[in-house]
Amino acid sequence: MANLSSPLFSLSAAATWGVADFSGGMATRRSPVFIVVAIAHAAGLAFMVALAVLFREALPGRIALVWGAAAGLVGGAGLACLYRALAVGKMGLNAPLSSVIAALVPLVFSFFSEGLPHAWRMAGFAMALVSIWLIAAQRGARGGSDGLGLAIAAGVGLGGFLLLIKFAGSSAVFWPLAMARVGSLGLMLAIIALSGGEWRSAAGSLRWVLLAGLLDTGANALYVAAAQRGSLAVAAVLSSLYPASTVILARLLLKERWSRLQAVGMVAALVSVALISY
């Protein structure tokens, strides 16, 4: 029987990331997106520092902290590209494209560093990537190829985060993630300053902002735990199934309907989990 701890942590990270994305989406209905991300990441930073102190985690070496900060910068840049891609182009194309590329970056790296997995797991990886696309697909999306370059850049950035934070979290969890939040928060503040953005946040969205920040940071910790306990490829691909929980919450709370493609994607995701964990 294969070790199931890494897949379980990965799926928990995916579920938590999906809820965080839903919360962030609710927040951006009333507040500027970069303000939302900045406040959310500030809350995540405080959360990680508190956990590091609570669990008395030893401060890792300088190299791990540098990897963490680099992961935050790359991930923050990817997030900025993703939001811009969704704003200017077809969401039903750009969102799943960035998710698939985000999974491919650490997956390809793991093939070189860990070797090719067995055939069943390879089939699971392929099915998982297809299911990500299907789950994130939206009916009636308009627009041509606008934002495709940004979506690719977003996928590379978010995939880079998944890869770099693995290096940062080889000996610790909370402190490297705190440094990642320092990097991403600094990037968001710089973007706001350069764009002349105003510091405002609707009172009604603050709870969504804080929830997004805490859950997103918690999902990062779950992902690091998954990558520490098993294959980087398994952790990255299963964690990238996060659009599923976002779609489910939108169906339950916002009464959004699933398309047939999304329903097929849900089934494909379940099959891919079984194949990858085999």
Protein backbone atom coordinates (compact mmCIF):
# COMPACT_ATOMS: atom_id res chain seq x y z
CA MET A 1 0.00 0.00 0.00
CA ALA A 2 1.38 3.38 -0.99
CA ASN A 3 2.02 6.07 1.59
CA LEU A 4 -1.21 8.07 1.69
CA SER A 5 -0.05 10.94 3.89
CA SER A 6 1.26 13.03 0.99
CA PRO A 7 -1.91 12.64 -1.14
CA LEU A 8 -4.10 13.43 1.87
CA PHE A 9 -2.14 16.58 2.68
CA SER A 10 -2.19 17.54 -1.01
CA LEU A 11 -5.96 17.13 -1.31
CA SER A 12 -6.44 19.06 1.93
CA ALA A 13 -4.31 21.86 0.46
CA ALA A 14 -6.40 21.81 -2.73
CA ALA A 15 -9.67 22.00 -0.80
CA THR A 16 -8.36 24.83 1.39
CA TRP A 17 -6.93 26.77 -1.55
CA GLY A 18 -10.27 26.48 -3.33
CA VAL A 19 -12.15 27.94 -0.36
CA ALA A 20 -9.53 30.69 -0.09
CA ASP A 21 -10.01 31.57 -3.77
CA PHE A 22 -13.77 31.68 -3.30
CA SER A 23 -13.34 34.00 -0.29
CA GLY A 24 -10.93 36.20 -2.22
CA GLY A 25 -13.38 36.36 -5.12
CA MET A 26 -16.15 37.47 -2.79
CA ALA A 27 -13.86 40.15 -1.34
CA THR A 28 -12.90 41.56 -4.73
CA ARG A 29 -16.55 42.22 -5.53
CA ARG A 30 -16.34 45.21 -3.19
CA SER A 31 -12.62 46.04 -2.92
CA PRO A 32 -9.65 46.57 -5.28
CA VAL A 33 -7.93 43.27 -5.97
CA PHE A 34 -4.40 44.29 -5.01
CA ILE A 35 -5.67 45.77 -1.74
CA VAL A 36 -7.43 42.48 -1.05
CA VAL A 37 -4.28 40.47 -1.75
CA ALA A 38 -2.11 42.79 0.35
CA ILE A 39 -4.39 42.61 3.40
CA ALA A 40 -4.86 38.86 2.98
CA HIS A 41 -1.12 38.28 2.78
CA ALA A 42 -0.52 40.50 5.80
CA ALA A 43 -2.99 38.37 7.76
CA GLY A 44 -1.27 35.23 6.45
CA LEU A 45 2.10 36.56 7.56
CA ALA A 46 0.84 37.19 11.09
CA PHE A 47 -0.75 33.71 11.13
CA MET A 48 2.48 31.95 10.10
CA VAL A 49 4.60 33.87 12.61
CA ALA A 50 2.11 33.01 15.36
CA LEU A 51 2.21 29.31 14.45
CA ALA A 52 6.01 29.31 14.29
CA VAL A 53 6.18 30.79 17.79
CA LEU A 54 3.40 28.57 19.14
CA PHE A 55 5.04 25.35 17.92
CA ARG A 56 8.51 26.67 18.79
CA GLU A 57 9.78 25.95 15.32
CA ALA A 58 13.49 26.63 15.04
CA LEU A 59 14.45 29.39 12.67
CA PRO A 60 15.89 27.68 9.57
CA GLY A 61 19.11 28.68 7.87
CA ARG A 62 19.50 31.73 5.67
CA ILE A 63 19.23 29.68 2.48
CA ALA A 64 15.76 28.36 3.41
CA LEU A 65 14.56 31.88 4.20
CA VAL A 66 15.91 33.15 0.88
CA TRP A 67 14.07 30.34 -0.95
CA GLY A 68 10.91 31.32 0.94
CA ALA A 69 11.20 34.98 -0.03
CA ALA A 70 11.89 34.01 -3.65
CA ALA A 71 8.82 31.76 -3.66
CA GLY A 72 6.72 34.65 -2.36
CA LEU A 73 7.97 37.04 -5.03
CA VAL A 74 7.42 34.57 -7.85
CA GLY A 75 4.02 33.52 -6.52
CA GLY A 76 2.95 37.12 -5.98
CA ALA A 77 3.94 38.02 -9.54
CA GLY A 78 2.02 34.99 -10.82
CA LEU A 79 -1.05 36.02 -8.87
CA ALA A 80 -0.90 39.54 -10.30
CA CYS A 81 -0.63 38.15 -13.85
CA LEU A 82 -3.54 35.78 -13.19
CA TYR A 83 -5.91 38.52 -12.05
CA ARG A 84 -4.96 40.67 -15.03
CA ALA A 85 -5.47 37.75 -17.42
CA LEU A 86 -8.93 37.12 -15.98
CA ALA A 87 -9.79 40.80 -16.32
CA VAL A 88 -8.82 41.23 -19.99
CA GLY A 89 -9.56 37.82 -21.50
CA LYS A 90 -11.70 34.72 -21.47
CA MET A 91 -11.92 33.41 -17.91
CA GLY A 92 -12.97 29.94 -19.03
CA LEU A 93 -9.72 29.65 -20.96
CA ASN A 94 -7.19 31.67 -18.96
CA ALA A 95 -8.04 30.29 -15.51
CA PRO A 96 -7.65 26.58 -16.32
CA LEU A 97 -4.65 27.28 -18.56
CA SER A 98 -2.79 28.91 -15.67
CA SER A 99 -3.79 26.06 -13.31
CA VAL A 100 -2.49 23.37 -15.65
CA ILE A 101 0.81 25.19 -16.23
CA ALA A 102 1.16 25.73 -12.47
CA ALA A 103 0.94 21.96 -12.01
CA LEU A 104 3.29 21.24 -14.93
CA VAL A 105 6.22 23.34 -13.66
CA PRO A 106 6.99 21.22 -10.55
CA LEU A 107 5.79 18.08 -12.33
CA VAL A 108 8.40 18.41 -15.09
CA PHE A 109 11.09 19.25 -12.53
CA SER A 110 10.20 16.15 -10.52
CA PHE A 111 10.59 13.95 -13.62
CA PHE A 112 14.22 15.07 -13.87
CA SER A 113 14.95 14.97 -10.12
CA GLU A 114 12.90 11.95 -9.03
CA GLY A 115 12.56 9.99 -12.27
CA LEU A 116 9.45 8.93 -14.16
CA PRO A 117 6.68 7.33 -12.07
CA HIS A 118 4.93 4.09 -12.96
CA ALA A 119 2.34 3.95 -15.75
CA TRP A 120 -0.75 4.16 -13.52
CA ARG A 121 0.52 7.30 -11.80
CA MET A 122 1.46 8.86 -15.14
CA ALA A 123 -2.10 8.21 -16.35
CA GLY A 124 -3.38 9.81 -13.15
CA PHE A 125 -1.26 12.91 -13.72
CA ALA A 126 -2.61 13.25 -17.26
CA MET A 127 -6.20 12.81 -16.11
CA ALA A 128 -5.72 15.29 -13.27
CA LEU A 129 -4.46 17.97 -15.67
CA VAL A 130 -7.46 17.40 -17.95
CA SER A 131 -9.85 17.51 -14.98
CA ILE A 132 -8.39 20.84 -13.81
CA TRP A 133 -9.20 22.33 -17.19
CA LEU A 134 -12.72 20.89 -17.25
CA ILE A 135 -13.56 21.94 -13.67
CA ALA A 136 -12.43 25.53 -14.25
CA ALA A 137 -14.27 25.82 -17.57
CA GLN A 138 -17.08 28.37 -17.63
CA ARG A 139 -20.04 28.44 -19.95
CA GLY A 140 -20.66 31.50 -22.03
CA ALA A 141 -17.19 32.94 -21.57
CA ARG A 142 -16.44 35.61 -24.18
CA GLY A 143 -13.30 36.98 -25.63
CA GLY A 144 -10.64 35.65 -27.94
CA SER A 145 -7.02 35.04 -27.14
CA ASP A 146 -6.69 38.15 -24.96
CA GLY A 147 -4.64 37.52 -21.85
CA LEU A 148 -3.22 34.16 -22.95
CA GLY A 149 0.34 35.40 -22.48
CA LEU A 150 -0.53 36.66 -19.01
CA ALA A 151 -2.22 33.35 -18.17
CA ILE A 152 0.92 31.45 -19.19
CA ALA A 153 3.07 33.82 -17.12
CA ALA A 154 0.66 33.34 -14.19
CA GLY A 155 0.96 29.57 -14.44
CA VAL A 156 4.75 29.75 -14.52
CA GLY A 157 4.75 32.07 -11.50
CA LEU A 158 2.34 30.00 -9.44
CA GLY A 159 4.11 26.80 -10.48
CA GLY A 160 7.39 28.43 -9.51
CA PHE A 161 5.95 29.06 -6.07
CA LEU A 162 5.03 25.38 -5.71
CA LEU A 163 8.56 24.43 -6.67
CA LEU A 164 10.55 27.01 -4.70
CA ILE A 165 8.57 26.64 -1.49
CA LYS A 166 9.45 22.93 -1.59
CA PHE A 167 13.12 23.90 -1.36
CA ALA A 168 12.39 26.44 1.37
CA GLY A 169 10.40 23.98 3.47
CA SER A 170 12.84 21.06 3.48
CA SER A 171 13.63 21.51 7.19
CA ALA A 172 10.84 23.79 8.45
CA VAL A 173 7.31 24.84 7.51
CA PHE A 174 6.13 28.04 9.17
CA TRP A 175 9.18 30.33 8.96
CA PRO A 176 9.78 29.77 5.22
CA LEU A 177 6.10 30.47 4.57
CA ALA A 178 6.31 33.61 6.68
CA MET A 179 9.21 34.75 4.49
CA ALA A 180 7.15 33.90 1.41
CA ARG A 181 4.43 36.19 2.71
CA VAL A 182 7.01 38.93 3.32
CA GLY A 183 8.06 38.65 -0.32
CA SER A 184 4.55 38.60 -1.77
CA LEU A 185 3.30 41.35 0.55
CA GLY A 186 6.24 43.55 -0.43
CA LEU A 187 5.43 42.99 -4.08
CA MET A 188 1.76 43.88 -3.60
CA LEU A 189 2.67 47.06 -1.71
CA ALA A 190 5.07 48.04 -4.51
CA ILE A 191 2.37 47.45 -7.15
CA ILE A 192 -0.13 49.55 -5.20
CA ALA A 193 2.40 52.36 -4.71
CA LEU A 194 3.48 52.43 -8.36
CA SER A 195 -0.09 52.32 -9.61
CA GLY A 196 -1.22 55.07 -7.26
CA GLY A 197 -3.85 52.81 -5.70
CA GLU A 198 -5.89 54.02 -2.78
CA TRP A 199 -5.91 52.18 0.54
CA ARG A 200 -9.57 51.36 0.88
CA SER A 201 -11.48 48.21 1.70
CA ALA A 202 -15.25 47.88 2.02
CA ALA A 203 -16.22 47.00 5.56
CA GLY A 204 -18.46 44.21 4.34
CA SER A 205 -15.58 42.44 2.56
CA LEU A 206 -13.05 42.48 5.40
CA ARG A 207 -14.17 39.12 6.78
CA TRP A 208 -13.76 37.57 3.33
CA VAL A 209 -10.31 39.14 2.97
CA LEU A 210 -9.11 37.78 6.31
CA LEU A 211 -10.61 34.36 5.65
CA ALA A 212 -8.87 34.22 2.27
CA GLY A 213 -5.54 35.17 3.81
CA LEU A 214 -5.70 32.62 6.62
CA LEU A 215 -6.93 29.77 4.42
CA ASP A 216 -4.47 30.48 1.61
CA THR A 217 -1.56 30.47 4.05
CA GLY A 218 -2.88 27.34 5.75
CA ALA A 219 -3.10 25.63 2.37
CA ASN A 220 0.52 26.57 1.71
CA ALA A 221 1.51 24.83 4.95
CA LEU A 222 -0.45 21.72 3.95
CA TYR A 223 1.26 21.70 0.57
CA VAL A 224 4.72 21.97 2.15
CA ALA A 225 3.84 19.08 4.47
CA ALA A 226 2.73 17.02 1.46
CA ALA A 227 5.92 17.79 -0.48
CA GLN A 228 8.05 16.86 2.54
CA ARG A 229 6.36 13.49 2.97
CA GLY A 230 6.19 12.30 -0.62
CA SER A 231 6.77 12.98 -4.27
CA LEU A 232 6.86 16.58 -5.46
CA ALA A 233 4.88 15.52 -8.53
CA VAL A 234 2.08 14.02 -6.45
CA ALA A 235 1.89 17.04 -4.14
CA ALA A 236 1.89 19.57 -6.98
CA VAL A 237 -0.67 17.87 -9.23
CA LEU A 238 -3.16 16.94 -6.49
CA SER A 239 -2.88 20.38 -4.88
CA SER A 240 -3.68 21.93 -8.25
CA LEU A 241 -7.17 20.42 -8.12
CA TYR A 242 -8.21 23.46 -6.06
CA PRO A 243 -10.75 24.76 -8.63
CA ALA A 244 -13.05 21.89 -7.57
CA SER A 245 -13.88 23.29 -4.13
CA THR A 246 -14.30 26.79 -5.58
CA VAL A 247 -16.84 25.49 -8.09
CA ILE A 248 -18.67 23.48 -5.40
CA LEU A 249 -18.96 26.53 -3.12
CA ALA A 250 -20.19 28.67 -6.00
CA ARG A 251 -22.87 26.04 -6.67
CA LEU A 252 -23.95 25.81 -3.02
CA LEU A 253 -23.75 29.46 -1.96
CA LEU A 254 -24.19 31.42 -5.17
CA LYS A 255 -26.47 28.90 -6.92
CA GLU A 256 -24.22 28.77 -9.96
CA ARG A 257 -24.94 25.80 -12.20
CA TRP A 258 -22.39 23.27 -13.27
CA SER A 259 -21.84 22.68 -16.94
CA ARG A 260 -21.60 19.15 -18.26
CA LEU A 261 -17.89 19.64 -18.74
CA GLN A 262 -17.47 20.61 -15.10
CA ALA A 263 -19.41 17.54 -13.97
CA VAL A 264 -17.19 15.34 -16.13
CA GLY A 265 -14.17 17.12 -14.67
CA MET A 266 -15.29 16.30 -11.12
CA VAL A 267 -15.53 12.61 -11.96
CA ALA A 268 -12.19 12.70 -13.76
CA ALA A 269 -10.59 14.34 -10.72
CA LEU A 270 -11.80 11.55 -8.44
CA VAL A 271 -10.45 8.90 -10.81
CA SER A 272 -7.12 10.74 -11.08
CA VAL A 273 -6.75 10.80 -7.29
CA ALA A 274 -7.19 7.03 -7.14
CA LEU A 275 -4.62 6.50 -9.91
CA ILE A 276 -2.04 8.87 -8.42
CA SER A 277 -2.41 7.35 -4.94
CA TYR A 278 -2.19 3.78 -6.27
